[in-house]
Amino acid sequence: MKIIGIYSTKDAALAAISRVKLQNGFNDFPELVNYELDMSDEGFHLNEFILDKDNWSEGYVTI
């Protein structure tokens, strides 16, 4: 997983994808994953989070 950044709007996140999708490390899977149409999770993901809230309060594991 590579994180480009955290953006305040969906449009800003899509603009970031446009800027980096042809760069090494991103260009193998340059498309946005559409969860409704595609079972693959290879590509860019947009996730929405609430600001000023702990989003990973249960911890995580590294595999």
PDB file of N, CA and C in Angstrom:
ATOM      1  N   MET A   1       0.840  -1.165   0.000  1.00  0.00           N
ATOM      2  CA  MET A   1       0.000   0.000   0.000  1.00  0.00           C
ATOM      3  C   MET A   1       0.893   1.239   0.000  1.00  0.00           C
ATOM      4  N   LYS A   2       0.519   2.190  -0.810  1.00  0.00           N
ATOM      5  CA  LYS A   2       1.206   3.480  -0.855  1.00  0.00           C
ATOM      6  C   LYS A   2       0.156   4.558  -0.656  1.00  0.00           C
ATOM      7  N   ILE A   3       0.382   5.459   0.250  1.00  0.00           N
ATOM      8  CA  ILE A   3      -0.567   6.541   0.493  1.00  0.00           C
ATOM      9  C   ILE A   3      -0.051   7.790  -0.196  1.00  0.00           C
ATOM     10  N   ILE A   4      -0.883   8.354  -1.066  1.00  0.00           N
ATOM     11  CA  ILE A   4      -0.518   9.607  -1.733  1.00  0.00           C
ATOM     12  C   ILE A   4      -0.682  10.752  -0.751  1.00  0.00           C
ATOM     13  N   GLY A   5      -1.829  10.788  -0.081  1.00  0.00           N
ATOM     14  CA  GLY A   5      -2.085  11.858   0.864  1.00  0.00           C
ATOM     15  C   GLY A   5      -3.503  11.799   1.374  1.00  0.00           C
ATOM     16  N   ILE A   6      -3.848  12.778   2.168  1.00  0.00           N
ATOM     17  CA  ILE A   6      -5.193  12.903   2.731  1.00  0.00           C
ATOM     18  C   ILE A   6      -5.731  14.241   2.248  1.00  0.00           C
ATOM     19  N   TYR A   7      -6.897  14.212   1.635  1.00  0.00           N
ATOM     20  CA  TYR A   7      -7.441  15.394   0.971  1.00  0.00           C
ATOM     21  C   TYR A   7      -8.804  15.758   1.539  1.00  0.00           C
ATOM     22  N   SER A   8      -9.130  17.034   1.456  1.00  0.00           N
ATOM     23  CA  SER A   8     -10.373  17.525   2.045  1.00  0.00           C
ATOM     24  C   SER A   8     -11.590  17.287   1.157  1.00  0.00           C
ATOM     25  N   THR A   9     -11.375  17.004  -0.126  1.00  0.00           N
ATOM     26  CA  THR A   9     -12.501  16.755  -1.029  1.00  0.00           C
ATOM     27  C   THR A   9     -12.174  15.593  -1.960  1.00  0.00           C
ATOM     28  N   LYS A  10     -13.207  14.984  -2.497  1.00  0.00           N
ATOM     29  CA  LYS A  10     -13.024  13.915  -3.478  1.00  0.00           C
ATOM     30  C   LYS A  10     -12.329  14.463  -4.720  1.00  0.00           C
ATOM     31  N   ASP A  11     -12.701  15.665  -5.146  1.00  0.00           N
ATOM     32  CA  ASP A  11     -12.061  16.262  -6.322  1.00  0.00           C
ATOM     33  C   ASP A  11     -10.559  16.435  -6.125  1.00  0.00           C
ATOM     34  N   ALA A  12     -10.152  16.837  -4.934  1.00  0.00           N
ATOM     35  CA  ALA A  12      -8.724  16.992  -4.649  1.00  0.00           C
ATOM     36  C   ALA A  12      -8.013  15.643  -4.689  1.00  0.00           C
ATOM     37  N   ALA A  13      -8.655  14.598  -4.196  1.00  0.00           N
ATOM     38  CA  ALA A  13      -8.069  13.257  -4.233  1.00  0.00           C
ATOM     39  C   ALA A  13      -7.955  12.761  -5.672  1.00  0.00           C
ATOM     40  N   LEU A  14      -8.972  12.994  -6.480  1.00  0.00           N
ATOM     41  CA  LEU A  14      -8.924  12.592  -7.884  1.00  0.00           C
ATOM     42  C   LEU A  14      -7.837  13.351  -8.641  1.00  0.00           C
ATOM     43  N   ALA A  15      -7.641  14.610  -8.315  1.00  0.00           N
ATOM     44  CA  ALA A  15      -6.573  15.401  -8.931  1.00  0.00           C
ATOM     45  C   ALA A  15      -5.206  14.815  -8.560  1.00  0.00           C
ATOM     46  N   ALA A  16      -5.053  14.356  -7.316  1.00  0.00           N
ATOM     47  CA  ALA A  16      -3.793  13.738  -6.886  1.00  0.00           C
ATOM     48  C   ALA A  16      -3.535  12.456  -7.668  1.00  0.00           C
ATOM     49  N   ILE A  17      -4.567  11.659  -7.867  1.00  0.00           N
ATOM     50  CA  ILE A  17      -4.421  10.432  -8.657  1.00  0.00           C
ATOM     51  C   ILE A  17      -3.955  10.776 -10.063  1.00  0.00           C
ATOM     52  N   SER A  18      -4.545  11.794 -10.658  1.00  0.00           N
ATOM     53  CA  SER A  18      -4.143  12.217 -12.005  1.00  0.00           C
ATOM     54  C   SER A  18      -2.680  12.637 -12.063  1.00  0.00           C
ATOM     55  N   ARG A  19      -2.203  13.258 -11.002  1.00  0.00           N
ATOM     56  CA  ARG A  19      -0.810  13.714 -10.972  1.00  0.00           C
ATOM     57  C   ARG A  19       0.191  12.567 -10.858  1.00  0.00           C
ATOM     58  N   VAL A  20      -0.169  11.499 -10.151  1.00  0.00           N
ATOM     59  CA  VAL A  20       0.823  10.452  -9.856  1.00  0.00           C
ATOM     60  C   VAL A  20       0.621   9.143 -10.612  1.00  0.00           C
ATOM     61  N   LYS A  21      -0.498   8.946 -11.274  1.00  0.00           N
ATOM     62  CA  LYS A  21      -0.813   7.623 -11.819  1.00  0.00           C
ATOM     63  C   LYS A  21       0.155   7.121 -12.895  1.00  0.00           C
ATOM     64  N   LEU A  22       0.950   7.988 -13.475  1.00  0.00           N
ATOM     65  CA  LEU A  22       1.924   7.544 -14.467  1.00  0.00           C
ATOM     66  C   LEU A  22       3.333   7.409 -13.901  1.00  0.00           C
ATOM     67  N   GLN A  23       3.503   7.694 -12.624  1.00  0.00           N
ATOM     68  CA  GLN A  23       4.813   7.592 -11.984  1.00  0.00           C
ATOM     69  C   GLN A  23       5.109   6.152 -11.576  1.00  0.00           C
ATOM     70  N   ASN A  24       6.416   5.842 -11.494  1.00  0.00           N
ATOM     71  CA  ASN A  24       6.827   4.516 -11.025  1.00  0.00           C
ATOM     72  C   ASN A  24       6.188   4.225  -9.672  1.00  0.00           C
ATOM     73  N   GLY A  25       5.773   2.983  -9.511  1.00  0.00           N
ATOM     74  CA  GLY A  25       5.138   2.583  -8.268  1.00  0.00           C
ATOM     75  C   GLY A  25       3.626   2.731  -8.307  1.00  0.00           C
ATOM     76  N   PHE A  26       3.122   3.569  -9.191  1.00  0.00           N
ATOM     77  CA  PHE A  26       1.678   3.744  -9.344  1.00  0.00           C
ATOM     78  C   PHE A  26       1.215   3.323 -10.737  1.00  0.00           C
ATOM     79  N   ASN A  27       2.112   3.333 -11.720  1.00  0.00           N
ATOM     80  CA  ASN A  27       1.685   3.145 -13.099  1.00  0.00           C
ATOM     81  C   ASN A  27       1.324   1.706 -13.471  1.00  0.00           C
ATOM     82  N   ASP A  28       1.613   0.735 -12.631  1.00  0.00           N
ATOM     83  CA  ASP A  28       1.192  -0.638 -12.922  1.00  0.00           C
ATOM     84  C   ASP A  28      -0.321  -0.801 -12.810  1.00  0.00           C
ATOM     85  N   PHE A  29      -0.939  -0.023 -11.946  1.00  0.00           N
ATOM     86  CA  PHE A  29      -2.390  -0.096 -11.735  1.00  0.00           C
ATOM     87  C   PHE A  29      -2.932   1.329 -11.633  1.00  0.00           C
ATOM     88  N   PRO A  30      -3.027   2.053 -12.746  1.00  0.00           N
ATOM     89  CA  PRO A  30      -3.337   3.481 -12.716  1.00  0.00           C
ATOM     90  C   PRO A  30      -4.818   3.843 -12.579  1.00  0.00           C
ATOM     91  N   GLU A  31      -5.689   2.856 -12.468  1.00  0.00           N
ATOM     92  CA  GLU A  31      -7.123   3.148 -12.445  1.00  0.00           C
ATOM     93  C   GLU A  31      -7.679   3.178 -11.017  1.00  0.00           C
ATOM     94  N   LEU A  32      -8.754   3.908 -10.848  1.00  0.00           N
ATOM     95  CA  LEU A  32      -9.482   3.954  -9.584  1.00  0.00           C
ATOM     96  C   LEU A  32     -10.322   2.697  -9.461  1.00  0.00           C
ATOM     97  N   VAL A  33     -10.247   2.007  -8.340  1.00  0.00           N
ATOM     98  CA  VAL A  33     -11.028   0.792  -8.113  1.00  0.00           C
ATOM     99  C   VAL A  33     -12.486   1.176  -7.885  1.00  0.00           C
ATOM    100  N   ASN A  34     -13.372   0.558  -8.652  1.00  0.00           N
ATOM    101  CA  ASN A  34     -14.811   0.744  -8.494  1.00  0.00           C
ATOM    102  C   ASN A  34     -15.350  -0.517  -7.823  1.00  0.00           C
ATOM    103  N   TYR A  35     -15.645  -0.424  -6.536  1.00  0.00           N
ATOM    104  CA  TYR A  35     -16.058  -1.590  -5.754  1.00  0.00           C
ATOM    105  C   TYR A  35     -17.342  -2.218  -6.258  1.00  0.00           C
ATOM    106  N   GLU A  36     -18.203  -1.450  -6.910  1.00  0.00           N
ATOM    107  CA  GLU A  36     -19.476  -1.983  -7.397  1.00  0.00           C
ATOM    108  C   GLU A  36     -19.305  -2.792  -8.682  1.00  0.00           C
ATOM    109  N   LEU A  37     -18.274  -2.478  -9.477  1.00  0.00           N
ATOM    110  CA  LEU A  37     -18.109  -3.135 -10.773  1.00  0.00           C
ATOM    111  C   LEU A  37     -16.923  -4.076 -10.844  1.00  0.00           C
ATOM    112  N   ASP A  38     -15.960  -3.927  -9.950  1.00  0.00           N
ATOM    113  CA  ASP A  38     -14.698  -4.644 -10.077  1.00  0.00           C
ATOM    114  C   ASP A  38     -14.360  -5.349  -8.770  1.00  0.00           C
ATOM    115  N   MET A  39     -14.095  -6.633  -8.852  1.00  0.00           N
ATOM    116  CA  MET A  39     -13.735  -7.394  -7.663  1.00  0.00           C
ATOM    117  C   MET A  39     -12.246  -7.257  -7.331  1.00  0.00           C
ATOM    118  N   SER A  40     -11.452  -6.728  -8.266  1.00  0.00           N
ATOM    119  CA  SER A  40     -10.029  -6.535  -8.022  1.00  0.00           C
ATOM    120  C   SER A  40      -9.834  -5.380  -7.045  1.00  0.00           C
ATOM    121  N   ASP A  41      -8.804  -5.458  -6.237  1.00  0.00           N
ATOM    122  CA  ASP A  41      -8.512  -4.301  -5.394  1.00  0.00           C
ATOM    123  C   ASP A  41      -7.168  -3.697  -5.780  1.00  0.00           C
ATOM    124  N   GLU A  42      -6.708  -3.997  -7.013  1.00  0.00           N
ATOM    125  CA  GLU A  42      -5.459  -3.442  -7.511  1.00  0.00           C
ATOM    126  C   GLU A  42      -5.742  -2.135  -8.233  1.00  0.00           C
ATOM    127  N   GLY A  43      -5.285  -1.072  -7.670  1.00  0.00           N
ATOM    128  CA  GLY A  43      -5.509   0.253  -8.225  1.00  0.00           C
ATOM    129  C   GLY A  43      -5.662   1.251  -7.100  1.00  0.00           C
ATOM    130  N   PHE A  44      -6.136   2.425  -7.453  1.00  0.00           N
ATOM    131  CA  PHE A  44      -6.299   3.492  -6.465  1.00  0.00           C
ATOM    132  C   PHE A  44      -7.602   3.310  -5.692  1.00  0.00           C
ATOM    133  N   HIS A  45      -7.536   3.550  -4.407  1.00  0.00           N
ATOM    134  CA  HIS A  45      -8.706   3.462  -3.531  1.00  0.00           C
ATOM    135  C   HIS A  45      -8.961   4.833  -2.920  1.00  0.00           C
ATOM    136  N   LEU A  46     -10.215   5.223  -2.874  1.00  0.00           N
ATOM    137  CA  LEU A  46     -10.612   6.422  -2.149  1.00  0.00           C
ATOM    138  C   LEU A  46     -11.370   5.971  -0.916  1.00  0.00           C
ATOM    139  N   ASN A  47     -10.942   6.416   0.240  1.00  0.00           N
ATOM    140  CA  ASN A  47     -11.606   6.084   1.495  1.00  0.00           C
ATOM    141  C   ASN A  47     -11.973   7.370   2.210  1.00  0.00           C
ATOM    142  N   GLU A  48     -13.152   7.384   2.757  1.00  0.00           N
ATOM    143  CA  GLU A  48     -13.640   8.561   3.466  1.00  0.00           C
ATOM    144  C   GLU A  48     -13.481   8.347   4.969  1.00  0.00           C
ATOM    145  N   PHE A  49     -12.958   9.357   5.651  1.00  0.00           N
ATOM    146  CA  PHE A  49     -12.770   9.302   7.094  1.00  0.00           C
ATOM    147  C   PHE A  49     -13.314  10.572   7.731  1.00  0.00           C
ATOM    148  N   ILE A  50     -13.671  10.451   8.978  1.00  0.00           N
ATOM    149  CA  ILE A  50     -14.118  11.612   9.745  1.00  0.00           C
ATOM    150  C   ILE A  50     -12.886  12.258  10.364  1.00  0.00           C
ATOM    151  N   LEU A  51     -12.746  13.558  10.170  1.00  0.00           N
ATOM    152  CA  LEU A  51     -11.615  14.280  10.746  1.00  0.00           C
ATOM    153  C   LEU A  51     -11.748  14.375  12.261  1.00  0.00           C
ATOM    154  N   ASP A  52     -10.624  14.475  12.937  1.00  0.00           N
ATOM    155  CA  ASP A  52     -10.560  14.608  14.395  1.00  0.00           C
ATOM    156  C   ASP A  52     -11.160  13.416  15.124  1.00  0.00           C
ATOM    157  N   LYS A  53     -11.045  12.236  14.521  1.00  0.00           N
ATOM    158  CA  LYS A  53     -11.545  11.004  15.121  1.00  0.00           C
ATOM    159  C   LYS A  53     -10.464   9.941  14.967  1.00  0.00           C
ATOM    160  N   ASP A  54     -10.272   9.113  15.980  1.00  0.00           N
ATOM    161  CA  ASP A  54      -9.340   7.990  15.870  1.00  0.00           C
ATOM    162  C   ASP A  54      -9.949   6.960  14.927  1.00  0.00           C
ATOM    163  N   ASN A  55      -9.296   6.719  13.802  1.00  0.00           N
ATOM    164  CA  ASN A  55      -9.831   5.794  12.807  1.00  0.00           C
ATOM    165  C   ASN A  55      -9.243   4.395  12.915  1.00  0.00           C
ATOM    166  N   TRP A  56      -8.156   4.225  13.645  1.00  0.00           N
ATOM    167  CA  TRP A  56      -7.523   2.923  13.818  1.00  0.00           C
ATOM    168  C   TRP A  56      -7.354   2.647  15.304  1.00  0.00           C
ATOM    169  N   SER A  57      -8.413   2.718  16.053  1.00  0.00           N
ATOM    170  CA  SER A  57      -8.330   2.595  17.501  1.00  0.00           C
ATOM    171  C   SER A  57      -8.053   1.188  17.986  1.00  0.00           C
ATOM    172  N   GLU A  58      -8.280   0.168  17.148  1.00  0.00           N
ATOM    173  CA  GLU A  58      -8.022  -1.214  17.560  1.00  0.00           C
ATOM    174  C   GLU A  58      -6.648  -1.692  17.160  1.00  0.00           C
ATOM    175  N   GLY A  59      -5.827  -0.832  16.567  1.00  0.00           N
ATOM    176  CA  GLY A  59      -4.494  -1.215  16.134  1.00  0.00           C
ATOM    177  C   GLY A  59      -4.519  -1.860  14.760  1.00  0.00           C
ATOM    178  N   TYR A  60      -3.380  -2.377  14.349  1.00  0.00           N
ATOM    179  CA  TYR A  60      -3.277  -3.039  13.049  1.00  0.00           C
ATOM    180  C   TYR A  60      -2.116  -4.021  13.088  1.00  0.00           C
ATOM    181  N   VAL A  61      -2.064  -4.872  12.078  1.00  0.00           N
ATOM    182  CA  VAL A  61      -0.957  -5.828  11.954  1.00  0.00           C
ATOM    183  C   VAL A  61      -0.248  -5.578  10.634  1.00  0.00           C
ATOM    184  N   THR A  62       1.028  -5.885  10.600  1.00  0.00           N
ATOM    185  CA  THR A  62       1.805  -5.818   9.369  1.00  0.00           C
ATOM    186  C   THR A  62       2.031  -7.232   8.886  1.00  0.00           C
ATOM    187  N   ILE A  63       1.720  -7.460   7.632  1.00  0.00           N
ATOM    188  CA  ILE A  63       1.867  -8.804   7.057  1.00  0.00           C
ATOM    189  C   ILE A  63       3.029  -8.787   6.082  1.00  0.00           C
TER     190      ILE A  63
END
